[in-house]
Amino acid sequence: MKLVTSLTSPYGRKARVVLLEKKIPFQLQVENPWLPDSPVPSLNPLGKVPVLVLEDGVSVFDSRVIVEYLDPLSPVAHLIPGEPKSRMVVRGVEALADGVTDAAVAVYLERKRAPELRSAEWLTLQEKTLFRGIEALAEALGEKPWYFGNSMTLADIACGCMLGYLDLRFPEVDWRGAHPNLAKLFDKLMARPSFKETVPVV
């Protein structure tokens, strides 16, 4: 199978980490979906990465759908619980982390617009969502070593990819000082080969 993504996409990083943790062989195809000649729209009508292209040519897109597909493929590193309530907890944290990422991406893109075209109201709304979401993630983790159970799950991966994106695009945001428990989780994740190998680069 082949994963089509950019090296800065936090959603693509989530899929890459899951593939590496589960030791599923894959080919990485790096693409910039913003370029006019990008092949991404031919693989995903939404024109977004990541896209997982299966051996039969079927495209799987949206990181949450991709990881849902990948988790049962290998018995290594079971990342999504099967029991409904436990599954809800893990996927709920993933949705929260992805929502913070959505807000961060929205702020980044809005700031790239010409000053006269930027919407101060839109920036304020997204920034409030971003910081409120980080606080909720810190509260959900508390003093636990992981978001759920005694080992890493998709919840931790999603949070770690979001925090890595903040480091890339918003180095001025001191989330470590504000939330030491998230910093501790992130440092633990960054000690893993899957996270070391997928640090976003521009």
C-alpha atoms as a PDB file:
ATOM      1  CA  MET A   1       0.000   0.000   0.000  1.00  0.00           C
ATOM      2  CA  LYS A   2       1.009   3.602  -0.516  1.00  0.00           C
ATOM      3  CA  LEU A   3       0.490   6.642   1.710  1.00  0.00           C
ATOM      4  CA  VAL A   4       0.268   9.927  -0.137  1.00  0.00           C
ATOM      5  CA  THR A   5       0.888  12.911   2.120  1.00  0.00           C
ATOM      6  CA  SER A   6       2.979  15.979   2.757  1.00  0.00           C
ATOM      7  CA  LEU A   7       5.778  16.046   5.316  1.00  0.00           C
ATOM      8  CA  THR A   8       4.095  18.832   7.288  1.00  0.00           C
ATOM      9  CA  SER A   9       0.576  17.398   7.513  1.00  0.00           C
ATOM     10  CA  PRO A  10      -0.274  16.464  11.118  1.00  0.00           C
ATOM     11  CA  TYR A  11      -3.017  14.192   9.799  1.00  0.00           C
ATOM     12  CA  GLY A  12      -0.526  12.486   7.503  1.00  0.00           C
ATOM     13  CA  ARG A  13       1.855  12.119  10.415  1.00  0.00           C
ATOM     14  CA  LYS A  14      -0.872  10.375  12.413  1.00  0.00           C
ATOM     15  CA  ALA A  15      -1.324   7.833   9.637  1.00  0.00           C
ATOM     16  CA  ARG A  16       2.438   7.357   9.274  1.00  0.00           C
ATOM     17  CA  VAL A  17       2.882   6.794  13.018  1.00  0.00           C
ATOM     18  CA  VAL A  18       0.110   4.187  13.022  1.00  0.00           C
ATOM     19  CA  LEU A  19       1.667   2.389  10.044  1.00  0.00           C
ATOM     20  CA  LEU A  20       5.077   2.373  11.743  1.00  0.00           C
ATOM     21  CA  GLU A  21       3.757   1.313  15.152  1.00  0.00           C
ATOM     22  CA  LYS A  22       1.822  -1.547  13.592  1.00  0.00           C
ATOM     23  CA  LYS A  23       4.810  -2.480  11.413  1.00  0.00           C
ATOM     24  CA  ILE A  24       2.738  -2.433   8.227  1.00  0.00           C
ATOM     25  CA  PRO A  25       4.931  -2.064   5.124  1.00  0.00           C
ATOM     26  CA  PHE A  26       4.058   0.940   2.981  1.00  0.00           C
ATOM     27  CA  GLN A  27       5.442   3.251   0.345  1.00  0.00           C
ATOM     28  CA  LEU A  28       5.539   6.955   1.197  1.00  0.00           C
ATOM     29  CA  GLN A  29       4.676   9.326  -1.659  1.00  0.00           C
ATOM     30  CA  VAL A  30       5.324  12.950  -0.703  1.00  0.00           C
ATOM     31  CA  GLU A  31       3.023  15.436  -2.435  1.00  0.00           C
ATOM     32  CA  ASN A  32       2.013  19.060  -1.989  1.00  0.00           C
ATOM     33  CA  PRO A  33      -1.773  19.143  -2.504  1.00  0.00           C
ATOM     34  CA  TRP A  34      -1.692  22.924  -3.044  1.00  0.00           C
ATOM     35  CA  LEU A  35       0.281  22.737  -6.290  1.00  0.00           C
ATOM     36  CA  PRO A  36      -1.778  23.059  -9.503  1.00  0.00           C
ATOM     37  CA  ASP A  37      -0.310  19.848 -10.936  1.00  0.00           C
ATOM     38  CA  SER A  38      -0.723  17.824  -7.739  1.00  0.00           C
ATOM     39  CA  PRO A  39      -2.035  14.281  -8.259  1.00  0.00           C
ATOM     40  CA  VAL A  40      -3.880  14.410  -4.933  1.00  0.00           C
ATOM     41  CA  PRO A  41      -7.289  15.514  -6.347  1.00  0.00           C
ATOM     42  CA  SER A  42      -7.267  12.464  -8.620  1.00  0.00           C
ATOM     43  CA  LEU A  43      -6.914  10.265  -5.532  1.00  0.00           C
ATOM     44  CA  ASN A  44      -9.152  12.224  -3.170  1.00  0.00           C
ATOM     45  CA  PRO A  45     -11.907  14.433  -4.638  1.00  0.00           C
ATOM     46  CA  LEU A  46     -11.543  16.695  -1.594  1.00  0.00           C
ATOM     47  CA  GLY A  47      -7.955  17.410  -2.641  1.00  0.00           C
ATOM     48  CA  LYS A  48      -6.549  16.718   0.816  1.00  0.00           C
ATOM     49  CA  VAL A  49      -3.847  14.514   2.285  1.00  0.00           C
ATOM     50  CA  PRO A  50      -3.325  11.923   3.589  1.00  0.00           C
ATOM     51  CA  VAL A  51      -4.611   9.360   1.124  1.00  0.00           C
ATOM     52  CA  LEU A  52      -3.962   5.651   1.564  1.00  0.00           C
ATOM     53  CA  VAL A  53      -3.894   3.854  -1.782  1.00  0.00           C
ATOM     54  CA  LEU A  54      -4.524   0.125  -1.397  1.00  0.00           C
ATOM     55  CA  GLU A  55      -3.025  -2.641  -3.515  1.00  0.00           C
ATOM     56  CA  ASP A  56      -6.173  -2.799  -5.651  1.00  0.00           C
ATOM     57  CA  GLY A  57      -6.029   0.948  -6.320  1.00  0.00           C
ATOM     58  CA  VAL A  58      -8.826   1.914  -3.921  1.00  0.00           C
ATOM     59  CA  SER A  59      -8.199   5.265  -2.193  1.00  0.00           C
ATOM     60  CA  VAL A  60      -8.921   5.645   1.496  1.00  0.00           C
ATOM     61  CA  PHE A  61      -8.979   9.228   2.721  1.00  0.00           C
ATOM     62  CA  ASP A  62      -9.426  11.204   5.928  1.00  0.00           C
ATOM     63  CA  SER A  63      -6.925  10.210   8.593  1.00  0.00           C
ATOM     64  CA  ARG A  64      -9.611   8.902  10.932  1.00  0.00           C
ATOM     65  CA  VAL A  65     -10.907   6.499   8.281  1.00  0.00           C
ATOM     66  CA  ILE A  66      -7.354   5.468   7.396  1.00  0.00           C
ATOM     67  CA  VAL A  67      -6.403   4.542  10.974  1.00  0.00           C
ATOM     68  CA  GLU A  68      -9.725   2.773  11.458  1.00  0.00           C
ATOM     69  CA  TYR A  69      -8.839   0.610   8.452  1.00  0.00           C
ATOM     70  CA  LEU A  70      -5.245   0.011   9.524  1.00  0.00           C
ATOM     71  CA  ASP A  71      -5.708  -1.002  13.148  1.00  0.00           C
ATOM     72  CA  PRO A  72      -7.175  -4.496  12.530  1.00  0.00           C
ATOM     73  CA  LEU A  73      -4.639  -5.300   9.787  1.00  0.00           C
ATOM     74  CA  SER A  74      -1.879  -6.180  12.228  1.00  0.00           C
ATOM     75  CA  PRO A  75      -1.970  -7.635  15.752  1.00  0.00           C
ATOM     76  CA  VAL A  76       0.982  -5.429  16.678  1.00  0.00           C
ATOM     77  CA  ALA A  77       0.239  -2.362  18.820  1.00  0.00           C
ATOM     78  CA  HIS A  78      -3.547  -2.529  19.093  1.00  0.00           C
ATOM     79  CA  LEU A  79      -4.415   1.177  19.131  1.00  0.00           C
ATOM     80  CA  ILE A  80      -8.231   1.314  19.105  1.00  0.00           C
ATOM     81  CA  PRO A  81     -10.142  -0.654  21.777  1.00  0.00           C
ATOM     82  CA  GLY A  82     -12.902  -2.970  20.648  1.00  0.00           C
ATOM     83  CA  GLU A  83     -15.211  -2.452  23.629  1.00  0.00           C
ATOM     84  CA  PRO A  84     -17.686   0.327  22.692  1.00  0.00           C
ATOM     85  CA  LYS A  85     -17.231   2.672  25.670  1.00  0.00           C
ATOM     86  CA  SER A  86     -13.449   2.313  25.659  1.00  0.00           C
ATOM     87  CA  ARG A  87     -13.430   2.883  21.918  1.00  0.00           C
ATOM     88  CA  MET A  88     -15.530   6.015  22.395  1.00  0.00           C
ATOM     89  CA  VAL A  89     -13.018   7.407  24.894  1.00  0.00           C
ATOM     90  CA  VAL A  90     -10.049   6.895  22.557  1.00  0.00           C
ATOM     91  CA  ARG A  91     -11.823   8.131  19.423  1.00  0.00           C
ATOM     92  CA  GLY A  92     -13.209  11.063  21.409  1.00  0.00           C
ATOM     93  CA  VAL A  93      -9.731  12.239  22.348  1.00  0.00           C
ATOM     94  CA  GLU A  94      -8.646  11.747  18.745  1.00  0.00           C
ATOM     95  CA  ALA A  95     -11.566  13.907  17.572  1.00  0.00           C
ATOM     96  CA  LEU A  96     -10.645  16.587  20.116  1.00  0.00           C
ATOM     97  CA  ALA A  97      -6.990  16.597  19.046  1.00  0.00           C
ATOM     98  CA  ASP A  98      -7.997  16.693  15.379  1.00  0.00           C
ATOM     99  CA  GLY A  99     -10.341  19.585  16.133  1.00  0.00           C
ATOM    100  CA  VAL A 100      -7.495  21.551  17.716  1.00  0.00           C
ATOM    101  CA  THR A 101      -5.409  20.743  14.652  1.00  0.00           C
ATOM    102  CA  ASP A 102      -8.212  21.992  12.393  1.00  0.00           C
ATOM    103  CA  ALA A 103      -8.244  25.296  14.278  1.00  0.00           C
ATOM    104  CA  ALA A 104      -4.440  25.583  14.141  1.00  0.00           C
ATOM    105  CA  VAL A 105      -4.411  24.956  10.378  1.00  0.00           C
ATOM    106  CA  ALA A 106      -7.165  27.545   9.916  1.00  0.00           C
ATOM    107  CA  VAL A 107      -5.144  30.144  11.846  1.00  0.00           C
ATOM    108  CA  TYR A 108      -1.971  29.341   9.906  1.00  0.00           C
ATOM    109  CA  LEU A 109      -3.705  29.681   6.538  1.00  0.00           C
ATOM    110  CA  GLU A 110      -5.513  32.876   7.518  1.00  0.00           C
ATOM    111  CA  ARG A 111      -2.248  34.466   8.648  1.00  0.00           C
ATOM    112  CA  LYS A 112      -0.740  33.673   5.240  1.00  0.00           C
ATOM    113  CA  ARG A 113      -3.361  35.830   3.516  1.00  0.00           C
ATOM    114  CA  ALA A 114      -2.593  39.449   2.678  1.00  0.00           C
ATOM    115  CA  PRO A 115      -3.188  41.654   5.761  1.00  0.00           C
ATOM    116  CA  GLU A 116      -6.079  43.471   4.125  1.00  0.00           C
ATOM    117  CA  LEU A 117      -7.838  40.158   3.415  1.00  0.00           C
ATOM    118  CA  ARG A 118      -7.507  38.640   6.879  1.00  0.00           C
ATOM    119  CA  SER A 119     -10.528  38.324   9.123  1.00  0.00           C
ATOM    120  CA  ALA A 120      -9.779  39.330  12.705  1.00  0.00           C
ATOM    121  CA  GLU A 121     -13.062  37.772  13.849  1.00  0.00           C
ATOM    122  CA  TRP A 122     -12.226  34.439  12.182  1.00  0.00           C
ATOM    123  CA  LEU A 123      -8.728  34.406  13.693  1.00  0.00           C
ATOM    124  CA  THR A 124     -10.089  35.143  17.152  1.00  0.00           C
ATOM    125  CA  LEU A 125     -12.684  32.379  16.850  1.00  0.00           C
ATOM    126  CA  GLN A 126     -10.123  29.778  15.744  1.00  0.00           C
ATOM    127  CA  GLU A 127      -7.564  30.836  18.340  1.00  0.00           C
ATOM    128  CA  LYS A 128     -10.165  30.494  21.103  1.00  0.00           C
ATOM    129  CA  THR A 129     -11.036  27.026  19.817  1.00  0.00           C
ATOM    130  CA  LEU A 130      -7.353  26.090  19.721  1.00  0.00           C
ATOM    131  CA  PHE A 131      -6.579  27.097  23.298  1.00  0.00           C
ATOM    132  CA  ARG A 132      -9.864  25.762  24.671  1.00  0.00           C
ATOM    133  CA  GLY A 133      -9.154  22.421  22.991  1.00  0.00           C
ATOM    134  CA  ILE A 134      -5.619  22.212  24.393  1.00  0.00           C
ATOM    135  CA  GLU A 135      -6.978  22.853  27.876  1.00  0.00           C
ATOM    136  CA  ALA A 136      -9.559  20.098  27.403  1.00  0.00           C
ATOM    137  CA  LEU A 137      -6.859  17.671  26.249  1.00  0.00           C
ATOM    138  CA  ALA A 138      -4.732  18.483  29.292  1.00  0.00           C
ATOM    139  CA  GLU A 139      -7.721  18.002  31.577  1.00  0.00           C
ATOM    140  CA  ALA A 140      -8.626  14.672  29.953  1.00  0.00           C
ATOM    141  CA  LEU A 141      -5.082  13.374  30.443  1.00  0.00           C
ATOM    142  CA  GLY A 142      -4.716  14.568  34.026  1.00  0.00           C
ATOM    143  CA  GLU A 143      -1.944  12.720  35.816  1.00  0.00           C
ATOM    144  CA  LYS A 144      -2.374   9.504  33.862  1.00  0.00           C
ATOM    145  CA  PRO A 145       0.594   8.179  31.865  1.00  0.00           C
ATOM    146  CA  TRP A 146      -1.639   7.634  28.807  1.00  0.00           C
ATOM    147  CA  TYR A 147      -5.110   8.775  27.805  1.00  0.00           C
ATOM    148  CA  PHE A 148      -6.514   5.267  28.112  1.00  0.00           C
ATOM    149  CA  GLY A 149      -5.202   2.181  29.870  1.00  0.00           C
ATOM    150  CA  ASN A 150      -1.569   1.328  30.437  1.00  0.00           C
ATOM    151  CA  SER A 151      -0.177   1.736  26.944  1.00  0.00           C
ATOM    152  CA  MET A 152      -0.216   4.133  24.007  1.00  0.00           C
ATOM    153  CA  THR A 153      -3.396   4.311  21.957  1.00  0.00           C
ATOM    154  CA  LEU A 154      -4.598   6.343  19.010  1.00  0.00           C
ATOM    155  CA  ALA A 155      -5.646   9.042  21.481  1.00  0.00           C
ATOM    156  CA  ASP A 156      -2.022   9.672  22.464  1.00  0.00           C
ATOM    157  CA  ILE A 157      -0.849   9.555  18.839  1.00  0.00           C
ATOM    158  CA  ALA A 158      -3.420  12.125  17.735  1.00  0.00           C
ATOM    159  CA  CYS A 159      -2.530  14.445  20.595  1.00  0.00           C
ATOM    160  CA  GLY A 160       1.191  14.071  19.923  1.00  0.00           C
ATOM    161  CA  CYS A 161       0.783  14.872  16.223  1.00  0.00           C
ATOM    162  CA  MET A 162      -1.238  17.972  17.095  1.00  0.00           C
ATOM    163  CA  LEU A 163       1.417  19.181  19.553  1.00  0.00           C
ATOM    164  CA  GLY A 164       4.132  18.559  16.981  1.00  0.00           C
ATOM    165  CA  TYR A 165       2.214  20.728  14.512  1.00  0.00           C
ATOM    166  CA  LEU A 166       2.024  23.526  17.083  1.00  0.00           C
ATOM    167  CA  ASP A 167       5.802  23.337  17.479  1.00  0.00           C
ATOM    168  CA  LEU A 168       6.186  23.595  13.711  1.00  0.00           C
ATOM    169  CA  ARG A 169       3.777  26.447  12.978  1.00  0.00           C
ATOM    170  CA  PHE A 170       3.341  28.219  16.322  1.00  0.00           C
ATOM    171  CA  PRO A 171       6.610  28.059  18.276  1.00  0.00           C
ATOM    172  CA  GLU A 172       5.494  31.106  20.227  1.00  0.00           C
ATOM    173  CA  VAL A 173       2.690  29.133  21.897  1.00  0.00           C
ATOM    174  CA  ASP A 174       3.998  27.939  25.277  1.00  0.00           C
ATOM    175  CA  TRP A 175       1.785  24.887  25.653  1.00  0.00           C
ATOM    176  CA  ARG A 176       4.514  23.112  27.614  1.00  0.00           C
ATOM    177  CA  GLY A 177       4.594  25.763  30.314  1.00  0.00           C
ATOM    178  CA  ALA A 178       0.811  25.896  30.479  1.00  0.00           C
ATOM    179  CA  HIS A 179       0.311  22.122  30.510  1.00  0.00           C
ATOM    180  CA  PRO A 180       3.279  20.155  31.900  1.00  0.00           C
ATOM    181  CA  ASN A 181       1.329  16.896  31.658  1.00  0.00           C
ATOM    182  CA  LEU A 182       1.051  17.302  27.878  1.00  0.00           C
ATOM    183  CA  ALA A 183       4.767  18.078  27.717  1.00  0.00           C
ATOM    184  CA  LYS A 184       5.513  14.879  29.610  1.00  0.00           C
ATOM    185  CA  LEU A 185       3.325  12.862  27.236  1.00  0.00           C
ATOM    186  CA  PHE A 186       4.908  14.490  24.183  1.00  0.00           C
ATOM    187  CA  ASP A 187       8.447  13.792  25.399  1.00  0.00           C
ATOM    188  CA  LYS A 188       7.501  10.157  25.945  1.00  0.00           C
ATOM    189  CA  LEU A 189       6.062   9.925  22.435  1.00  0.00           C
ATOM    190  CA  MET A 190       9.101  11.606  20.897  1.00  0.00           C
ATOM    191  CA  ALA A 191      11.299   8.870  22.356  1.00  0.00           C
ATOM    192  CA  ARG A 192       9.559   6.372  20.069  1.00  0.00           C
ATOM    193  CA  PRO A 193      11.033   5.659  16.605  1.00  0.00           C
ATOM    194  CA  SER A 194       7.635   6.263  14.971  1.00  0.00           C
ATOM    195  CA  PHE A 195       7.591   9.843  16.194  1.00  0.00           C
ATOM    196  CA  LYS A 196      11.283  10.471  15.651  1.00  0.00           C
ATOM    197  CA  GLU A 197      10.999   9.366  12.018  1.00  0.00           C
ATOM    198  CA  THR A 198       7.969  11.564  11.287  1.00  0.00           C
ATOM    199  CA  VAL A 199       8.994  14.947  12.683  1.00  0.00           C
ATOM    200  CA  PRO A 200       7.429  17.471  10.279  1.00  0.00           C
ATOM    201  CA  VAL A 201       9.861  19.335   8.030  1.00  0.00           C
ATOM    202  CA  VAL A 202       9.335  22.324   5.749  1.00  0.00           C
END
